Each structure stands twice: as structure tokens, then as C-alpha cells.
Amino acid sequence: MLYWALVFLVIAVIAAVLGFGGIAAGAASIAKIIFIVFIILFVLSLIFGNIRRGPRP
């Protein structure tokens, strides 16, 4: 998922350099949403993975 966020970020940067403002804004917002979803899922996996295994001594 982080890969796709980076792909859309690169697309946004290339589109911005070439002057396609609408495409750049759309790709940047998609990248931002995917990155936020990635962070949420990462934190949840850390929390629930630790609960499932129990505390370590």
C-alpha cells in the first residue's frame, strides 16, 4: 500500500512539472488518502499484534 502511495506521489510531481494542475492535484490527494489508510492499518496491526501475543518479558 505504501508502494501505491509513492507511485501516485511521483505521478503528481511529474504532472505538476509538466503543468497539468488538475491531474497533479488529483494524484496528490489519492496519494495522501492511501498514505493515511496505510498509517492507520500499520498502527492497528501493531496494537492488535501486541495484544494477541501478550506482553513480552
PDB file of N, CA and C in Angstrom:
ATOM      1  N   MET A   1       0.823  -1.181   0.000  1.00  0.00           N
ATOM      2  CA  MET A   1       0.000   0.000   0.000  1.00  0.00           C
ATOM      3  C   MET A   1       0.873   1.253   0.000  1.00  0.00           C
ATOM      4  N   LEU A   2       1.957   1.194   0.710  1.00  0.00           N
ATOM      5  CA  LEU A   2       2.885   2.324   0.709  1.00  0.00           C
ATOM      6  C   LEU A   2       3.473   2.517  -0.684  1.00  0.00           C
ATOM      7  N   TYR A   3       3.661   1.433  -1.413  1.00  0.00           N
ATOM      8  CA  TYR A   3       4.156   1.497  -2.782  1.00  0.00           C
ATOM      9  C   TYR A   3       3.217   2.321  -3.653  1.00  0.00           C
ATOM     10  N   TRP A   4       1.910   2.064  -3.532  1.00  0.00           N
ATOM     11  CA  TRP A   4       0.940   2.789  -4.356  1.00  0.00           C
ATOM     12  C   TRP A   4       0.882   4.261  -3.977  1.00  0.00           C
ATOM     13  N   ALA A   5       1.050   4.573  -2.706  1.00  0.00           N
ATOM     14  CA  ALA A   5       1.081   5.976  -2.298  1.00  0.00           C
ATOM     15  C   ALA A   5       2.272   6.685  -2.934  1.00  0.00           C
ATOM     16  N   LEU A   6       3.409   6.015  -2.958  1.00  0.00           N
ATOM     17  CA  LEU A   6       4.591   6.610  -3.588  1.00  0.00           C
ATOM     18  C   LEU A   6       4.425   6.740  -5.097  1.00  0.00           C
ATOM     19  N   VAL A   7       3.762   5.769  -5.725  1.00  0.00           N
ATOM     20  CA  VAL A   7       3.521   5.841  -7.169  1.00  0.00           C
ATOM     21  C   VAL A   7       2.660   7.053  -7.498  1.00  0.00           C
ATOM     22  N   PHE A   8       1.579   7.253  -6.748  1.00  0.00           N
ATOM     23  CA  PHE A   8       0.719   8.404  -7.017  1.00  0.00           C
ATOM     24  C   PHE A   8       1.423   9.716  -6.701  1.00  0.00           C
ATOM     25  N   LEU A   9       2.314   9.710  -5.709  1.00  0.00           N
ATOM     26  CA  LEU A   9       3.076  10.906  -5.407  1.00  0.00           C
ATOM     27  C   LEU A   9       4.011  11.253  -6.558  1.00  0.00           C
ATOM     28  N   VAL A  10       4.670  10.273  -7.128  1.00  0.00           N
ATOM     29  CA  VAL A  10       5.555  10.505  -8.271  1.00  0.00           C
ATOM     30  C   VAL A  10       4.755  10.995  -9.480  1.00  0.00           C
ATOM     31  N   ILE A  11       3.582  10.408  -9.701  1.00  0.00           N
ATOM     32  CA  ILE A  11       2.722  10.861 -10.793  1.00  0.00           C
ATOM     33  C   ILE A  11       2.316  12.313 -10.582  1.00  0.00           C
ATOM     34  N   ALA A  12       2.003  12.683  -9.348  1.00  0.00           N
ATOM     35  CA  ALA A  12       1.614  14.057  -9.047  1.00  0.00           C
ATOM     36  C   ALA A  12       2.763  15.022  -9.297  1.00  0.00           C
ATOM     37  N   VAL A  13       3.962  14.640  -8.916  1.00  0.00           N
ATOM     38  CA  VAL A  13       5.119  15.519  -9.120  1.00  0.00           C
ATOM     39  C   VAL A  13       5.404  15.687 -10.612  1.00  0.00           C
ATOM     40  N   ILE A  14       5.362  14.596 -11.356  1.00  0.00           N
ATOM     41  CA  ILE A  14       5.621  14.683 -12.793  1.00  0.00           C
ATOM     42  C   ILE A  14       4.544  15.514 -13.480  1.00  0.00           C
ATOM     43  N   ALA A  15       3.290  15.320 -13.109  1.00  0.00           N
ATOM     44  CA  ALA A  15       2.209  16.101 -13.705  1.00  0.00           C
ATOM     45  C   ALA A  15       2.331  17.581 -13.358  1.00  0.00           C
ATOM     46  N   ALA A  16       2.762  17.880 -12.145  1.00  0.00           N
ATOM     47  CA  ALA A  16       2.934  19.280 -11.752  1.00  0.00           C
ATOM     48  C   ALA A  16       4.063  19.942 -12.530  1.00  0.00           C
ATOM     49  N   VAL A  17       5.147  19.209 -12.746  1.00  0.00           N
ATOM     50  CA  VAL A  17       6.270  19.756 -13.506  1.00  0.00           C
ATOM     51  C   VAL A  17       5.863  20.026 -14.954  1.00  0.00           C
ATOM     52  N   LEU A  18       5.022  19.162 -15.505  1.00  0.00           N
ATOM     53  CA  LEU A  18       4.588  19.325 -16.883  1.00  0.00           C
ATOM     54  C   LEU A  18       3.433  20.319 -17.026  1.00  0.00           C
ATOM     55  N   GLY A  19       2.881  20.786 -15.930  1.00  0.00           N
ATOM     56  CA  GLY A  19       1.859  21.816 -15.984  1.00  0.00           C
ATOM     57  C   GLY A  19       0.434  21.310 -15.936  1.00  0.00           C
ATOM     58  N   PHE A  20       0.222  20.055 -15.645  1.00  0.00           N
ATOM     59  CA  PHE A  20      -1.129  19.516 -15.538  1.00  0.00           C
ATOM     60  C   PHE A  20      -1.592  19.635 -14.087  1.00  0.00           C
ATOM     61  N   GLY A  21      -2.148  20.791 -13.750  1.00  0.00           N
ATOM     62  CA  GLY A  21      -2.502  21.073 -12.363  1.00  0.00           C
ATOM     63  C   GLY A  21      -3.611  20.196 -11.828  1.00  0.00           C
ATOM     64  N   GLY A  22      -4.635  19.934 -12.635  1.00  0.00           N
ATOM     65  CA  GLY A  22      -5.766  19.124 -12.171  1.00  0.00           C
ATOM     66  C   GLY A  22      -5.365  17.684 -11.903  1.00  0.00           C
ATOM     67  N   ILE A  23      -4.592  17.138 -12.804  1.00  0.00           N
ATOM     68  CA  ILE A  23      -4.124  15.756 -12.628  1.00  0.00           C
ATOM     69  C   ILE A  23      -3.182  15.659 -11.431  1.00  0.00           C
ATOM     70  N   ALA A  24      -2.331  16.668 -11.276  1.00  0.00           N
ATOM     71  CA  ALA A  24      -1.395  16.671 -10.149  1.00  0.00           C
ATOM     72  C   ALA A  24      -2.140  16.740  -8.823  1.00  0.00           C
ATOM     73  N   ALA A  25      -3.159  17.583  -8.759  1.00  0.00           N
ATOM     74  CA  ALA A  25      -3.932  17.704  -7.515  1.00  0.00           C
ATOM     75  C   ALA A  25      -4.685  16.414  -7.220  1.00  0.00           C
ATOM     76  N   GLY A  26      -5.243  15.794  -8.240  1.00  0.00           N
ATOM     77  CA  GLY A  26      -5.962  14.533  -8.038  1.00  0.00           C
ATOM     78  C   GLY A  26      -5.042  13.420  -7.581  1.00  0.00           C
ATOM     79  N   ALA A  27      -3.895  13.298  -8.218  1.00  0.00           N
ATOM     80  CA  ALA A  27      -2.943  12.252  -7.838  1.00  0.00           C
ATOM     81  C   ALA A  27      -2.386  12.500  -6.441  1.00  0.00           C
ATOM     82  N   ALA A  28      -2.163  13.759  -6.092  1.00  0.00           N
ATOM     83  CA  ALA A  28      -1.655  14.066  -4.753  1.00  0.00           C
ATOM     84  C   ALA A  28      -2.691  13.740  -3.684  1.00  0.00           C
ATOM     85  N   SER A  29      -3.959  14.016  -3.963  1.00  0.00           N
ATOM     86  CA  SER A  29      -4.981  13.699  -2.962  1.00  0.00           C
ATOM     87  C   SER A  29      -5.166  12.196  -2.820  1.00  0.00           C
ATOM     88  N   ILE A  30      -5.070  11.457  -3.913  1.00  0.00           N
ATOM     89  CA  ILE A  30      -5.140   9.991  -3.839  1.00  0.00           C
ATOM     90  C   ILE A  30      -3.964   9.450  -3.035  1.00  0.00           C
ATOM     91  N   ALA A  31      -2.775   9.979  -3.288  1.00  0.00           N
ATOM     92  CA  ALA A  31      -1.589   9.538  -2.545  1.00  0.00           C
ATOM     93  C   ALA A  31      -1.736   9.827  -1.060  1.00  0.00           C
ATOM     94  N   LYS A  32      -2.307  10.983  -0.734  1.00  0.00           N
ATOM     95  CA  LYS A  32      -2.493  11.349   0.668  1.00  0.00           C
ATOM     96  C   LYS A  32      -3.475  10.398   1.361  1.00  0.00           C
ATOM     97  N   ILE A  33      -4.571  10.085   0.684  1.00  0.00           N
ATOM     98  CA  ILE A  33      -5.570   9.175   1.264  1.00  0.00           C
ATOM     99  C   ILE A  33      -4.980   7.785   1.468  1.00  0.00           C
ATOM    100  N   ILE A  34      -4.266   7.272   0.472  1.00  0.00           N
ATOM    101  CA  ILE A  34      -3.668   5.938   0.582  1.00  0.00           C
ATOM    102  C   ILE A  34      -2.640   5.910   1.709  1.00  0.00           C
ATOM    103  N   PHE A  35      -1.859   6.986   1.859  1.00  0.00           N
ATOM    104  CA  PHE A  35      -0.857   7.031   2.918  1.00  0.00           C
ATOM    105  C   PHE A  35      -1.517   7.051   4.297  1.00  0.00           C
ATOM    106  N   ILE A  36      -2.605   7.787   4.445  1.00  0.00           N
ATOM    107  CA  ILE A  36      -3.306   7.836   5.729  1.00  0.00           C
ATOM    108  C   ILE A  36      -3.890   6.466   6.071  1.00  0.00           C
ATOM    109  N   VAL A  37      -4.473   5.797   5.077  1.00  0.00           N
ATOM    110  CA  VAL A  37      -5.003   4.449   5.305  1.00  0.00           C
ATOM    111  C   VAL A  37      -3.874   3.498   5.698  1.00  0.00           C
ATOM    112  N   PHE A  38      -2.708   3.634   5.054  1.00  0.00           N
ATOM    113  CA  PHE A  38      -1.554   2.804   5.397  1.00  0.00           C
ATOM    114  C   PHE A  38      -1.132   3.022   6.841  1.00  0.00           C
ATOM    115  N   ILE A  39      -1.047   4.274   7.266  1.00  0.00           N
ATOM    116  CA  ILE A  39      -0.633   4.577   8.638  1.00  0.00           C
ATOM    117  C   ILE A  39      -1.634   4.005   9.639  1.00  0.00           C
ATOM    118  N   ILE A  40      -2.930   4.152   9.363  1.00  0.00           N
ATOM    119  CA  ILE A  40      -3.960   3.625  10.267  1.00  0.00           C
ATOM    120  C   ILE A  40      -3.853   2.109  10.373  1.00  0.00           C
ATOM    121  N   LEU A  41      -3.716   1.429   9.239  1.00  0.00           N
ATOM    122  CA  LEU A  41      -3.610  -0.028   9.271  1.00  0.00           C
ATOM    123  C   LEU A  41      -2.327  -0.493   9.948  1.00  0.00           C
ATOM    124  N   PHE A  42      -1.243   0.250   9.768  1.00  0.00           N
ATOM    125  CA  PHE A  42       0.021  -0.090  10.412  1.00  0.00           C
ATOM    126  C   PHE A  42      -0.087   0.008  11.923  1.00  0.00           C
ATOM    127  N   VAL A  43      -0.684   1.099  12.408  1.00  0.00           N
ATOM    128  CA  VAL A  43      -0.836   1.279  13.856  1.00  0.00           C
ATOM    129  C   VAL A  43      -1.765   0.206  14.428  1.00  0.00           C
ATOM    130  N   LEU A  44      -2.859  -0.080  13.734  1.00  0.00           N
ATOM    131  CA  LEU A  44      -3.772  -1.123  14.214  1.00  0.00           C
ATOM    132  C   LEU A  44      -3.094  -2.488  14.252  1.00  0.00           C
ATOM    133  N   SER A  45      -2.266  -2.782  13.260  1.00  0.00           N
ATOM    134  CA  SER A  45      -1.579  -4.076  13.275  1.00  0.00           C
ATOM    135  C   SER A  45      -0.562  -4.153  14.412  1.00  0.00           C
ATOM    136  N   LEU A  46       0.069  -3.031  14.731  1.00  0.00           N
ATOM    137  CA  LEU A  46       0.986  -3.030  15.878  1.00  0.00           C
ATOM    138  C   LEU A  46       0.230  -3.247  17.183  1.00  0.00           C
ATOM    139  N   ILE A  47      -0.892  -2.572  17.331  1.00  0.00           N
ATOM    140  CA  ILE A  47      -1.670  -2.683  18.570  1.00  0.00           C
ATOM    141  C   ILE A  47      -2.245  -4.084  18.729  1.00  0.00           C
ATOM    142  N   PHE A  48      -2.946  -4.564  17.706  1.00  0.00           N
ATOM    143  CA  PHE A  48      -3.604  -5.863  17.831  1.00  0.00           C
ATOM    144  C   PHE A  48      -2.617  -7.025  17.771  1.00  0.00           C
ATOM    145  N   GLY A  49      -1.473  -6.846  17.128  1.00  0.00           N
ATOM    146  CA  GLY A  49      -0.447  -7.890  17.140  1.00  0.00           C
ATOM    147  C   GLY A  49       0.149  -8.045  18.510  1.00  0.00           C
ATOM    148  N   ASN A  50       0.313  -6.937  19.228  1.00  0.00           N
ATOM    149  CA  ASN A  50       0.865  -6.986  20.572  1.00  0.00           C
ATOM    150  C   ASN A  50      -0.157  -7.547  21.560  1.00  0.00           C
ATOM    151  N   ILE A  51      -1.417  -7.221  21.384  1.00  0.00           N
ATOM    152  CA  ILE A  51      -2.466  -7.753  22.262  1.00  0.00           C
ATOM    153  C   ILE A  51      -2.594  -9.266  22.073  1.00  0.00           C
ATOM    154  N   ARG A  52      -2.493  -9.697  20.848  1.00  0.00           N
ATOM    155  CA  ARG A  52      -2.658 -11.114  20.552  1.00  0.00           C
ATOM    156  C   ARG A  52      -1.537 -11.964  21.142  1.00  0.00           C
ATOM    157  N   ARG A  53      -0.312 -11.459  21.072  1.00  0.00           N
ATOM    158  CA  ARG A  53       0.839 -12.209  21.583  1.00  0.00           C
ATOM    159  C   ARG A  53       1.047 -12.029  23.079  1.00  0.00           C
ATOM    160  N   GLY A  54       0.527 -10.946  23.592  1.00  0.00           N
ATOM    161  CA  GLY A  54       0.710 -10.663  25.020  1.00  0.00           C
ATOM    162  C   GLY A  54       1.993  -9.901  25.245  1.00  0.00           C
ATOM    163  N   PRO A  55       2.150  -9.361  26.430  1.00  0.00           N
ATOM    164  CA  PRO A  55       3.360  -8.583  26.715  1.00  0.00           C
ATOM    165  C   PRO A  55       4.587  -9.482  26.759  1.00  0.00           C
ATOM    166  N   ARG A  56       5.682  -8.922  26.347  1.00  0.00           N
ATOM    167  CA  ARG A  56       6.948  -9.666  26.354  1.00  0.00           C
ATOM    168  C   ARG A  56       7.690  -9.384  27.656  1.00  0.00           C
ATOM    169  N   PRO A  57       8.345 -10.397  28.193  1.00  0.00           N
ATOM    170  CA  PRO A  57       9.073 -10.180  29.460  1.00  0.00           C
ATOM    171  C   PRO A  57      10.337  -9.373  29.276  1.00  0.00           C
TER     172      PRO A  57
END
